[in-house]
PDB file of N, CA and C in Angstrom:
ATOM      1  N   MET A   1     370.745  26.730 -42.124  1.00  0.00           N
ATOM      2  CA  MET A   1     369.718  25.732 -42.035  1.00  0.00           C
ATOM      3  C   MET A   1     368.778  26.095 -40.916  1.00  0.00           C
ATOM      4  N   MET A   2     367.465  26.044 -41.224  1.00  0.00           N
ATOM      5  CA  MET A   2     366.477  26.493 -40.182  1.00  0.00           C
ATOM      6  C   MET A   2     366.095  25.266 -39.367  1.00  0.00           C
ATOM      7  N   LYS A   3     365.935  25.443 -38.019  1.00  0.00           N
ATOM      8  CA  LYS A   3     365.627  24.423 -37.145  1.00  0.00           C
ATOM      9  C   LYS A   3     364.137  24.147 -37.297  1.00  0.00           C
ATOM     10  N   THR A   4     363.698  22.814 -37.297  1.00  0.00           N
ATOM     11  CA  THR A   4     362.303  22.517 -37.327  1.00  0.00           C
ATOM     12  C   THR A   4     361.822  22.368 -35.904  1.00  0.00           C
ATOM     13  N   TYR A   5     360.743  23.026 -35.621  1.00  0.00           N
ATOM     14  CA  TYR A   5     360.097  23.137 -34.318  1.00  0.00           C
ATOM     15  C   TYR A   5     359.041  22.024 -34.240  1.00  0.00           C
ATOM     16  N   GLU A   6     359.289  20.936 -33.550  1.00  0.00           N
ATOM     17  CA  GLU A   6     358.354  19.851 -33.484  1.00  0.00           C
ATOM     18  C   GLU A   6     357.667  19.643 -32.178  1.00  0.00           C
ATOM     19  N   TRP A   7     358.230  20.113 -31.137  1.00  0.00           N
ATOM     20  CA  TRP A   7     357.681  19.798 -29.792  1.00  0.00           C
ATOM     21  C   TRP A   7     357.976  20.928 -28.821  1.00  0.00           C
ATOM     22  N   PRO A   8     357.113  21.341 -27.937  1.00  0.00           N
ATOM     23  CA  PRO A   8     357.376  22.393 -26.994  1.00  0.00           C
ATOM     24  C   PRO A   8     358.585  22.055 -26.080  1.00  0.00           C
ATOM     25  N   ASN A   9     359.361  23.119 -25.753  1.00  0.00           N
ATOM     26  CA  ASN A   9     360.500  22.913 -24.827  1.00  0.00           C
ATOM     27  C   ASN A   9     359.935  22.717 -23.423  1.00  0.00           C
ATOM     28  N   PRO A  10     360.787  22.385 -22.441  1.00  0.00           N
ATOM     29  CA  PRO A  10     360.302  22.107 -21.022  1.00  0.00           C
ATOM     30  C   PRO A  10     359.564  23.296 -20.457  1.00  0.00           C
ATOM     31  N   GLU A  11     360.039  24.528 -20.673  1.00  0.00           N
ATOM     32  CA  GLU A  11     359.321  25.695 -20.153  1.00  0.00           C
ATOM     33  C   GLU A  11     357.971  25.883 -20.708  1.00  0.00           C
ATOM     34  N   GLU A  12     357.828  25.649 -21.965  1.00  0.00           N
ATOM     35  CA  GLU A  12     356.537  25.688 -22.648  1.00  0.00           C
ATOM     36  C   GLU A  12     355.530  24.622 -22.133  1.00  0.00           C
ATOM     37  N   ILE A  13     356.096  23.410 -21.884  1.00  0.00           N
ATOM     38  CA  ILE A  13     355.274  22.367 -21.377  1.00  0.00           C
ATOM     39  C   ILE A  13     354.797  22.683 -19.961  1.00  0.00           C
ATOM     40  N   GLU A  14     355.647  23.257 -19.130  1.00  0.00           N
ATOM     41  CA  GLU A  14     355.225  23.694 -17.825  1.00  0.00           C
ATOM     42  C   GLU A  14     354.122  24.763 -17.912  1.00  0.00           C
ATOM     43  N   ALA A  15     354.275  25.686 -18.852  1.00  0.00           N
ATOM     44  CA  ALA A  15     353.231  26.720 -18.992  1.00  0.00           C
ATOM     45  C   ALA A  15     351.895  26.066 -19.449  1.00  0.00           C
ATOM     46  N   LEU A  16     351.996  25.092 -20.328  1.00  0.00           N
ATOM     47  CA  LEU A  16     350.735  24.397 -20.685  1.00  0.00           C
ATOM     48  C   LEU A  16     350.108  23.676 -19.515  1.00  0.00           C
ATOM     49  N   LYS A  17     350.877  22.957 -18.663  1.00  0.00           N
ATOM     50  CA  LYS A  17     350.408  22.381 -17.476  1.00  0.00           C
ATOM     51  C   LYS A  17     349.762  23.379 -16.512  1.00  0.00           C
ATOM     52  N   ASP A  18     350.407  24.505 -16.342  1.00  0.00           N
ATOM     53  CA  ASP A  18     349.867  25.547 -15.452  1.00  0.00           C
ATOM     54  C   ASP A  18     348.541  26.093 -15.993  1.00  0.00           C
ATOM     55  N   TRP A  19     348.482  26.294 -17.319  1.00  0.00           N
ATOM     56  CA  TRP A  19     347.245  26.743 -17.951  1.00  0.00           C
ATOM     57  C   TRP A  19     346.188  25.710 -17.670  1.00  0.00           C
ATOM     58  N   ALA A  20     346.469  24.460 -17.938  1.00  0.00           N
ATOM     59  CA  ALA A  20     345.499  23.395 -17.778  1.00  0.00           C
ATOM     60  C   ALA A  20     345.019  23.280 -16.294  1.00  0.00           C
ATOM     61  N   MET A  21     345.885  23.446 -15.341  1.00  0.00           N
ATOM     62  CA  MET A  21     345.491  23.433 -13.983  1.00  0.00           C
ATOM     63  C   MET A  21     344.592  24.489 -13.613  1.00  0.00           C
ATOM     64  N   LEU A  22     344.866  25.713 -14.162  1.00  0.00           N
ATOM     65  CA  LEU A  22     344.116  26.882 -13.874  1.00  0.00           C
ATOM     66  C   LEU A  22     342.718  26.784 -14.539  1.00  0.00           C
ATOM     67  N   HIS A  23     342.582  26.160 -15.700  1.00  0.00           N
ATOM     68  CA  HIS A  23     341.308  26.256 -16.446  1.00  0.00           C
ATOM     69  C   HIS A  23     340.616  24.910 -16.364  1.00  0.00           C
ATOM     70  N   GLY A  24     341.192  23.894 -15.742  1.00  0.00           N
ATOM     71  CA  GLY A  24     340.506  22.667 -15.560  1.00  0.00           C
ATOM     72  C   GLY A  24     340.057  21.904 -16.759  1.00  0.00           C
ATOM     73  N   ARG A  25     338.947  21.277 -16.781  1.00  0.00           N
ATOM     74  CA  ARG A  25     338.426  20.428 -17.811  1.00  0.00           C
ATOM     75  C   ARG A  25     338.461  21.024 -19.202  1.00  0.00           C
ATOM     76  N   ASN A  26     338.099  22.319 -19.302  1.00  0.00           N
ATOM     77  CA  ASN A  26     338.001  22.958 -20.575  1.00  0.00           C
ATOM     78  C   ASN A  26     339.250  23.665 -20.951  1.00  0.00           C
ATOM     79  N   TRP A  27     340.379  23.266 -20.467  1.00  0.00           N
ATOM     80  CA  TRP A  27     341.601  24.090 -20.706  1.00  0.00           C
ATOM     81  C   TRP A  27     341.950  24.276 -22.196  1.00  0.00           C
ATOM     82  N   LYS A  28     341.730  23.239 -22.990  1.00  0.00           N
ATOM     83  CA  LYS A  28     342.084  23.370 -24.416  1.00  0.00           C
ATOM     84  C   LYS A  28     341.244  24.390 -25.086  1.00  0.00           C
ATOM     85  N   SER A  29     339.980  24.409 -24.877  1.00  0.00           N
ATOM     86  CA  SER A  29     339.098  25.365 -25.517  1.00  0.00           C
ATOM     87  C   SER A  29     339.421  26.788 -25.013  1.00  0.00           C
ATOM     88  N   GLN A  30     339.795  26.931 -23.747  1.00  0.00           N
ATOM     89  CA  GLN A  30     340.163  28.227 -23.198  1.00  0.00           C
ATOM     90  C   GLN A  30     341.502  28.701 -23.878  1.00  0.00           C
ATOM     91  N   LEU A  31     342.390  27.728 -24.059  1.00  0.00           N
ATOM     92  CA  LEU A  31     343.683  28.077 -24.693  1.00  0.00           C
ATOM     93  C   LEU A  31     343.481  28.474 -26.127  1.00  0.00           C
ATOM     94  N   ARG A  32     342.618  27.722 -26.890  1.00  0.00           N
ATOM     95  CA  ARG A  32     342.409  28.028 -28.248  1.00  0.00           C
ATOM     96  C   ARG A  32     341.787  29.508 -28.349  1.00  0.00           C
ATOM     97  N   GLU A  33     340.897  29.775 -27.437  1.00  0.00           N
ATOM     98  CA  GLU A  33     340.318  31.213 -27.453  1.00  0.00           C
ATOM     99  C   GLU A  33     341.439  32.186 -27.168  1.00  0.00           C
ATOM    100  N   ALA A  34     342.262  31.948 -26.238  1.00  0.00           N
ATOM    101  CA  ALA A  34     343.371  32.935 -25.925  1.00  0.00           C
ATOM    102  C   ALA A  34     344.291  33.021 -27.121  1.00  0.00           C
ATOM    103  N   TRP A  35     344.562  31.885 -27.853  1.00  0.00           N
ATOM    104  CA  TRP A  35     345.428  31.939 -29.030  1.00  0.00           C
ATOM    105  C   TRP A  35     344.783  32.796 -30.087  1.00  0.00           C
ATOM    106  N   MET A  36     343.463  32.687 -30.196  1.00  0.00           N
ATOM    107  CA  MET A  36     342.778  33.392 -31.323  1.00  0.00           C
ATOM    108  C   MET A  36     342.680  34.903 -31.053  1.00  0.00           C
ATOM    109  N   THR A  37     342.443  35.256 -29.732  1.00  0.00           N
ATOM    110  CA  THR A  37     342.240  36.596 -29.420  1.00  0.00           C
ATOM    111  C   THR A  37     343.451  37.311 -28.901  1.00  0.00           C
ATOM    112  N   GLY A  38     344.441  36.548 -28.486  1.00  0.00           N
ATOM    113  CA  GLY A  38     345.654  37.198 -27.823  1.00  0.00           C
ATOM    114  C   GLY A  38     345.348  37.617 -26.440  1.00  0.00           C
ATOM    115  N   ASP A  39     344.191  37.289 -25.865  1.00  0.00           N
ATOM    116  CA  ASP A  39     343.833  37.631 -24.507  1.00  0.00           C
ATOM    117  C   ASP A  39     343.938  36.500 -23.551  1.00  0.00           C
ATOM    118  N   TYR A  40     345.014  36.526 -22.773  1.00  0.00           N
ATOM    119  CA  TYR A  40     345.353  35.447 -21.837  1.00  0.00           C
ATOM    120  C   TYR A  40     344.796  35.759 -20.432  1.00  0.00           C
ATOM    121  N   GLN A  41     344.053  36.847 -20.356  1.00  0.00           N
ATOM    122  CA  GLN A  41     343.409  37.245 -19.068  1.00  0.00           C
ATOM    123  C   GLN A  41     344.394  37.256 -17.947  1.00  0.00           C
ATOM    124  N   GLY A  42     345.577  37.838 -18.159  1.00  0.00           N
ATOM    125  CA  GLY A  42     346.537  38.027 -17.053  1.00  0.00           C
ATOM    126  C   GLY A  42     347.470  36.822 -16.760  1.00  0.00           C
ATOM    127  N   PHE A  43     347.314  35.733 -17.476  1.00  0.00           N
ATOM    128  CA  PHE A  43     348.126  34.522 -17.260  1.00  0.00           C
ATOM    129  C   PHE A  43     349.614  34.994 -17.406  1.00  0.00           C
ATOM    130  N   GLU A  44     350.409  34.764 -16.426  1.00  0.00           N
ATOM    131  CA  GLU A  44     351.744  35.263 -16.329  1.00  0.00           C
ATOM    132  C   GLU A  44     352.690  34.589 -17.288  1.00  0.00           C
ATOM    133  N   LYS A  45     352.349  33.441 -17.766  1.00  0.00           N
ATOM    134  CA  LYS A  45     353.324  32.732 -18.661  1.00  0.00           C
ATOM    135  C   LYS A  45     352.747  32.762 -20.156  1.00  0.00           C
ATOM    136  N   ASP A  46     352.004  33.807 -20.506  1.00  0.00           N
ATOM    137  CA  ASP A  46     351.449  33.873 -21.848  1.00  0.00           C
ATOM    138  C   ASP A  46     352.576  33.933 -22.912  1.00  0.00           C
ATOM    139  N   TRP A  47     353.667  34.545 -22.516  1.00  0.00           N
ATOM    140  CA  TRP A  47     354.770  34.712 -23.467  1.00  0.00           C
ATOM    141  C   TRP A  47     355.360  33.307 -23.836  1.00  0.00           C
ATOM    142  N   LEU A  48     355.049  32.285 -23.069  1.00  0.00           N
ATOM    143  CA  LEU A  48     355.567  30.933 -23.393  1.00  0.00           C
ATOM    144  C   LEU A  48     354.481  30.225 -24.248  1.00  0.00           C
ATOM    145  N   LEU A  49     353.248  30.557 -24.204  1.00  0.00           N
ATOM    146  CA  LEU A  49     352.216  29.843 -24.914  1.00  0.00           C
ATOM    147  C   LEU A  49     352.011  30.362 -26.373  1.00  0.00           C
ATOM    148  N   GLN A  50     352.230  31.632 -26.545  1.00  0.00           N
ATOM    149  CA  GLN A  50     352.009  32.184 -27.904  1.00  0.00           C
ATOM    150  C   GLN A  50     352.974  31.535 -28.956  1.00  0.00           C
ATOM    151  N   PRO A  51     354.298  31.340 -28.593  1.00  0.00           N
ATOM    152  CA  PRO A  51     355.137  30.743 -29.532  1.00  0.00           C
ATOM    153  C   PRO A  51     354.769  29.319 -29.950  1.00  0.00           C
ATOM    154  N   VAL A  52     354.135  28.605 -28.979  1.00  0.00           N
ATOM    155  CA  VAL A  52     353.639  27.319 -29.332  1.00  0.00           C
ATOM    156  C   VAL A  52     352.583  27.391 -30.416  1.00  0.00           C
ATOM    157  N   ARG A  53     351.691  28.357 -30.240  1.00  0.00           N
ATOM    158  CA  ARG A  53     350.622  28.519 -31.272  1.00  0.00           C
ATOM    159  C   ARG A  53     351.251  28.911 -32.634  1.00  0.00           C
ATOM    160  N   ASN A  54     352.187  29.820 -32.541  1.00  0.00           N
ATOM    161  CA  ASN A  54     352.830  30.419 -33.810  1.00  0.00           C
ATOM    162  C   ASN A  54     353.599  29.308 -34.580  1.00  0.00           C
ATOM    163  N   THR A  55     354.163  28.373 -33.857  1.00  0.00           N
ATOM    164  CA  THR A  55     355.050  27.373 -34.572  1.00  0.00           C
ATOM    165  C   THR A  55     354.270  26.093 -34.833  1.00  0.00           C
ATOM    166  N   LEU A  56     353.495  25.627 -33.857  1.00  0.00           N
ATOM    167  CA  LEU A  56     352.836  24.296 -34.052  1.00  0.00           C
ATOM    168  C   LEU A  56     351.381  24.474 -34.532  1.00  0.00           C
ATOM    169  N   GLY A  57     350.751  25.568 -34.262  1.00  0.00           N
ATOM    170  CA  GLY A  57     349.380  25.815 -34.693  1.00  0.00           C
ATOM    171  C   GLY A  57     348.351  25.252 -33.820  1.00  0.00           C
ATOM    172  N   PRO A  58     347.120  25.801 -33.899  1.00  0.00           N
ATOM    173  CA  PRO A  58     346.059  25.361 -33.064  1.00  0.00           C
ATOM    174  C   PRO A  58     345.677  23.873 -33.266  1.00  0.00           C
ATOM    175  N   SER A  59     345.816  23.351 -34.500  1.00  0.00           N
ATOM    176  CA  SER A  59     345.494  21.887 -34.714  1.00  0.00           C
ATOM    177  C   SER A  59     346.320  20.965 -33.952  1.00  0.00           C
ATOM    178  N   TRP A  60     347.574  21.358 -33.610  1.00  0.00           N
ATOM    179  CA  TRP A  60     348.457  20.513 -32.783  1.00  0.00           C
ATOM    180  C   TRP A  60     347.866  20.300 -31.404  1.00  0.00           C
ATOM    181  N   LEU A  61     347.165  21.278 -30.943  1.00  0.00           N
ATOM    182  CA  LEU A  61     346.612  21.080 -29.527  1.00  0.00           C
ATOM    183  C   LEU A  61     345.557  19.991 -29.428  1.00  0.00           C
ATOM    184  N   SER A  62     344.875  19.690 -30.589  1.00  0.00           N
ATOM    185  CA  SER A  62     343.929  18.565 -30.518  1.00  0.00           C
ATOM    186  C   SER A  62     344.541  17.254 -30.223  1.00  0.00           C
ATOM    187  N   ASN A  63     345.753  17.032 -30.655  1.00  0.00           N
ATOM    188  CA  ASN A  63     346.524  15.715 -30.387  1.00  0.00           C
ATOM    189  C   ASN A  63     347.307  15.685 -29.084  1.00  0.00           C
ATOM    190  N   TYR A  64     347.476  16.836 -28.527  1.00  0.00           N
ATOM    191  CA  TYR A  64     348.229  17.002 -27.319  1.00  0.00           C
ATOM    192  C   TYR A  64     347.423  16.516 -26.069  1.00  0.00           C
ATOM    193  N   ARG A  65     348.002  15.780 -25.237  1.00  0.00           N
ATOM    194  CA  ARG A  65     347.222  15.328 -24.063  1.00  0.00           C
ATOM    195  C   ARG A  65     348.045  15.172 -22.859  1.00  0.00           C
ATOM    196  N   LEU A  66     347.434  15.361 -21.730  1.00  0.00           N
ATOM    197  CA  LEU A  66     348.003  15.138 -20.406  1.00  0.00           C
ATOM    198  C   LEU A  66     347.450  13.840 -19.864  1.00  0.00           C
ATOM    199  N   ASP A  67     348.257  12.979 -19.357  1.00  0.00           N
ATOM    200  CA  ASP A  67     347.729  11.696 -18.823  1.00  0.00           C
ATOM    201  C   ASP A  67     347.037  11.831 -17.581  1.00  0.00           C
ATOM    202  N   LYS A  68     346.053  10.987 -17.380  1.00  0.00           N
ATOM    203  CA  LYS A  68     345.322  10.909 -16.122  1.00  0.00           C
ATOM    204  C   LYS A  68     345.509   9.547 -15.443  1.00  0.00           C
ATOM    205  N   ASP A  69     345.608   9.533 -14.123  1.00  0.00           N
ATOM    206  CA  ASP A  69     345.698   8.268 -13.329  1.00  0.00           C
ATOM    207  C   ASP A  69     344.328   7.591 -13.506  1.00  0.00           C
ATOM    208  N   LYS A  70     344.360   6.355 -14.014  1.00  0.00           N
ATOM    209  CA  LYS A  70     343.149   5.614 -14.259  1.00  0.00           C
ATOM    210  C   LYS A  70     342.321   5.355 -12.957  1.00  0.00           C
ATOM    211  N   ALA A  71     343.018   5.200 -11.855  1.00  0.00           N
ATOM    212  CA  ALA A  71     342.348   4.877 -10.611  1.00  0.00           C
ATOM    213  C   ALA A  71     341.612   6.124 -10.019  1.00  0.00           C
ATOM    214  N   THR A  72     342.293   7.261 -10.077  1.00  0.00           N
ATOM    215  CA  THR A  72     341.787   8.443  -9.379  1.00  0.00           C
ATOM    216  C   THR A  72     341.196   9.494 -10.358  1.00  0.00           C
ATOM    217  N   GLY A  73     341.561   9.409 -11.628  1.00  0.00           N
ATOM    218  CA  GLY A  73     341.132  10.424 -12.578  1.00  0.00           C
ATOM    219  C   GLY A  73     341.913  11.747 -12.514  1.00  0.00           C
ATOM    220  N   ARG A  74     342.923  11.779 -11.681  1.00  0.00           N
ATOM    221  CA  ARG A  74     343.716  12.952 -11.524  1.00  0.00           C
ATOM    222  C   ARG A  74     344.702  13.072 -12.578  1.00  0.00           C
ATOM    223  N   ILE A  75     344.939  14.347 -13.041  1.00  0.00           N
ATOM    224  CA  ILE A  75     345.983  14.546 -14.048  1.00  0.00           C
ATOM    225  C   ILE A  75     347.388  14.199 -13.464  1.00  0.00           C
ATOM    226  N   MET A  76     348.146  13.414 -14.113  1.00  0.00           N
ATOM    227  CA  MET A  76     349.470  13.060 -13.652  1.00  0.00           C
ATOM    228  C   MET A  76     350.603  13.971 -14.213  1.00  0.00           C
ATOM    229  N   TRP A  77     350.254  14.798 -15.194  1.00  0.00           N
ATOM    230  CA  TRP A  77     351.175  15.813 -15.750  1.00  0.00           C
ATOM    231  C   TRP A  77     352.301  15.205 -16.495  1.00  0.00           C
ATOM    232  N   SER A  78     352.204  13.940 -16.934  1.00  0.00           N
ATOM    233  CA  SER A  78     353.141  13.444 -17.826  1.00  0.00           C
ATOM    234  C   SER A  78     352.586  13.718 -19.235  1.00  0.00           C
ATOM    235  N   VAL A  79     353.436  14.169 -20.038  1.00  0.00           N
ATOM    236  CA  VAL A  79     352.958  14.619 -21.438  1.00  0.00           C
ATOM    237  C   VAL A  79     353.234  13.581 -22.437  1.00  0.00           C
ATOM    238  N   GLN A  80     352.298  13.281 -23.245  1.00  0.00           N
ATOM    239  CA  GLN A  80     352.352  12.322 -24.318  1.00  0.00           C
ATOM    240  C   GLN A  80     352.541  13.083 -25.686  1.00  0.00           C
ATOM    241  N   GLU A  81     353.542  12.675 -26.307  1.00  0.00           N
ATOM    242  CA  GLU A  81     353.752  13.247 -27.730  1.00  0.00           C
ATOM    243  C   GLU A  81     352.679  12.691 -28.558  1.00  0.00           C
ATOM    244  N   PRO A  82     352.132  13.527 -29.487  1.00  0.00           N
ATOM    245  CA  PRO A  82     351.074  13.051 -30.374  1.00  0.00           C
ATOM    246  C   PRO A  82     351.600  11.932 -31.212  1.00  0.00           C
ATOM    247  N   ARG A  83     350.700  11.021 -31.573  1.00  0.00           N
ATOM    248  CA  ARG A  83     351.099   9.869 -32.474  1.00  0.00           C
ATOM    249  C   ARG A  83     351.028  10.430 -33.839  1.00  0.00           C
ATOM    250  N   HIS A  84     351.973  10.004 -34.643  1.00  0.00           N
ATOM    251  CA  HIS A  84     351.964  10.424 -36.088  1.00  0.00           C
ATOM    252  C   HIS A  84     351.359   9.315 -36.962  1.00  0.00           C
ATOM    253  N   ALA A  85     350.546   9.655 -37.830  1.00  0.00           N
ATOM    254  CA  ALA A  85     349.919   8.643 -38.761  1.00  0.00           C
ATOM    255  C   ALA A  85     350.999   7.945 -39.537  1.00  0.00           C
ATOM    256  N   GLU A  86     350.924   6.661 -39.583  1.00  0.00           N
ATOM    257  CA  GLU A  86     351.994   5.836 -40.361  1.00  0.00           C
ATOM    258  C   GLU A  86     351.483   5.427 -41.667  1.00  0.00           C
TER     259      GLU A  86
END
């Protein structure tokens, strides 16, 4: 029986956070570009990001978000699972 891959593991989530911190506001578009070209421009955790693309796909990234503190606007790095349509 094959395991269904539904959510990144903790190491992959940390890699996503590191990527977001490195690329700032446009981190998702930068990650989409890296996923499409395979060029992570030396990002040391690229080996953790490519499996996310291969299993969940680029469309998954659209629903993935990192929370921001409403008072400061700073990223709090808590991860929200995407909501599924009911």
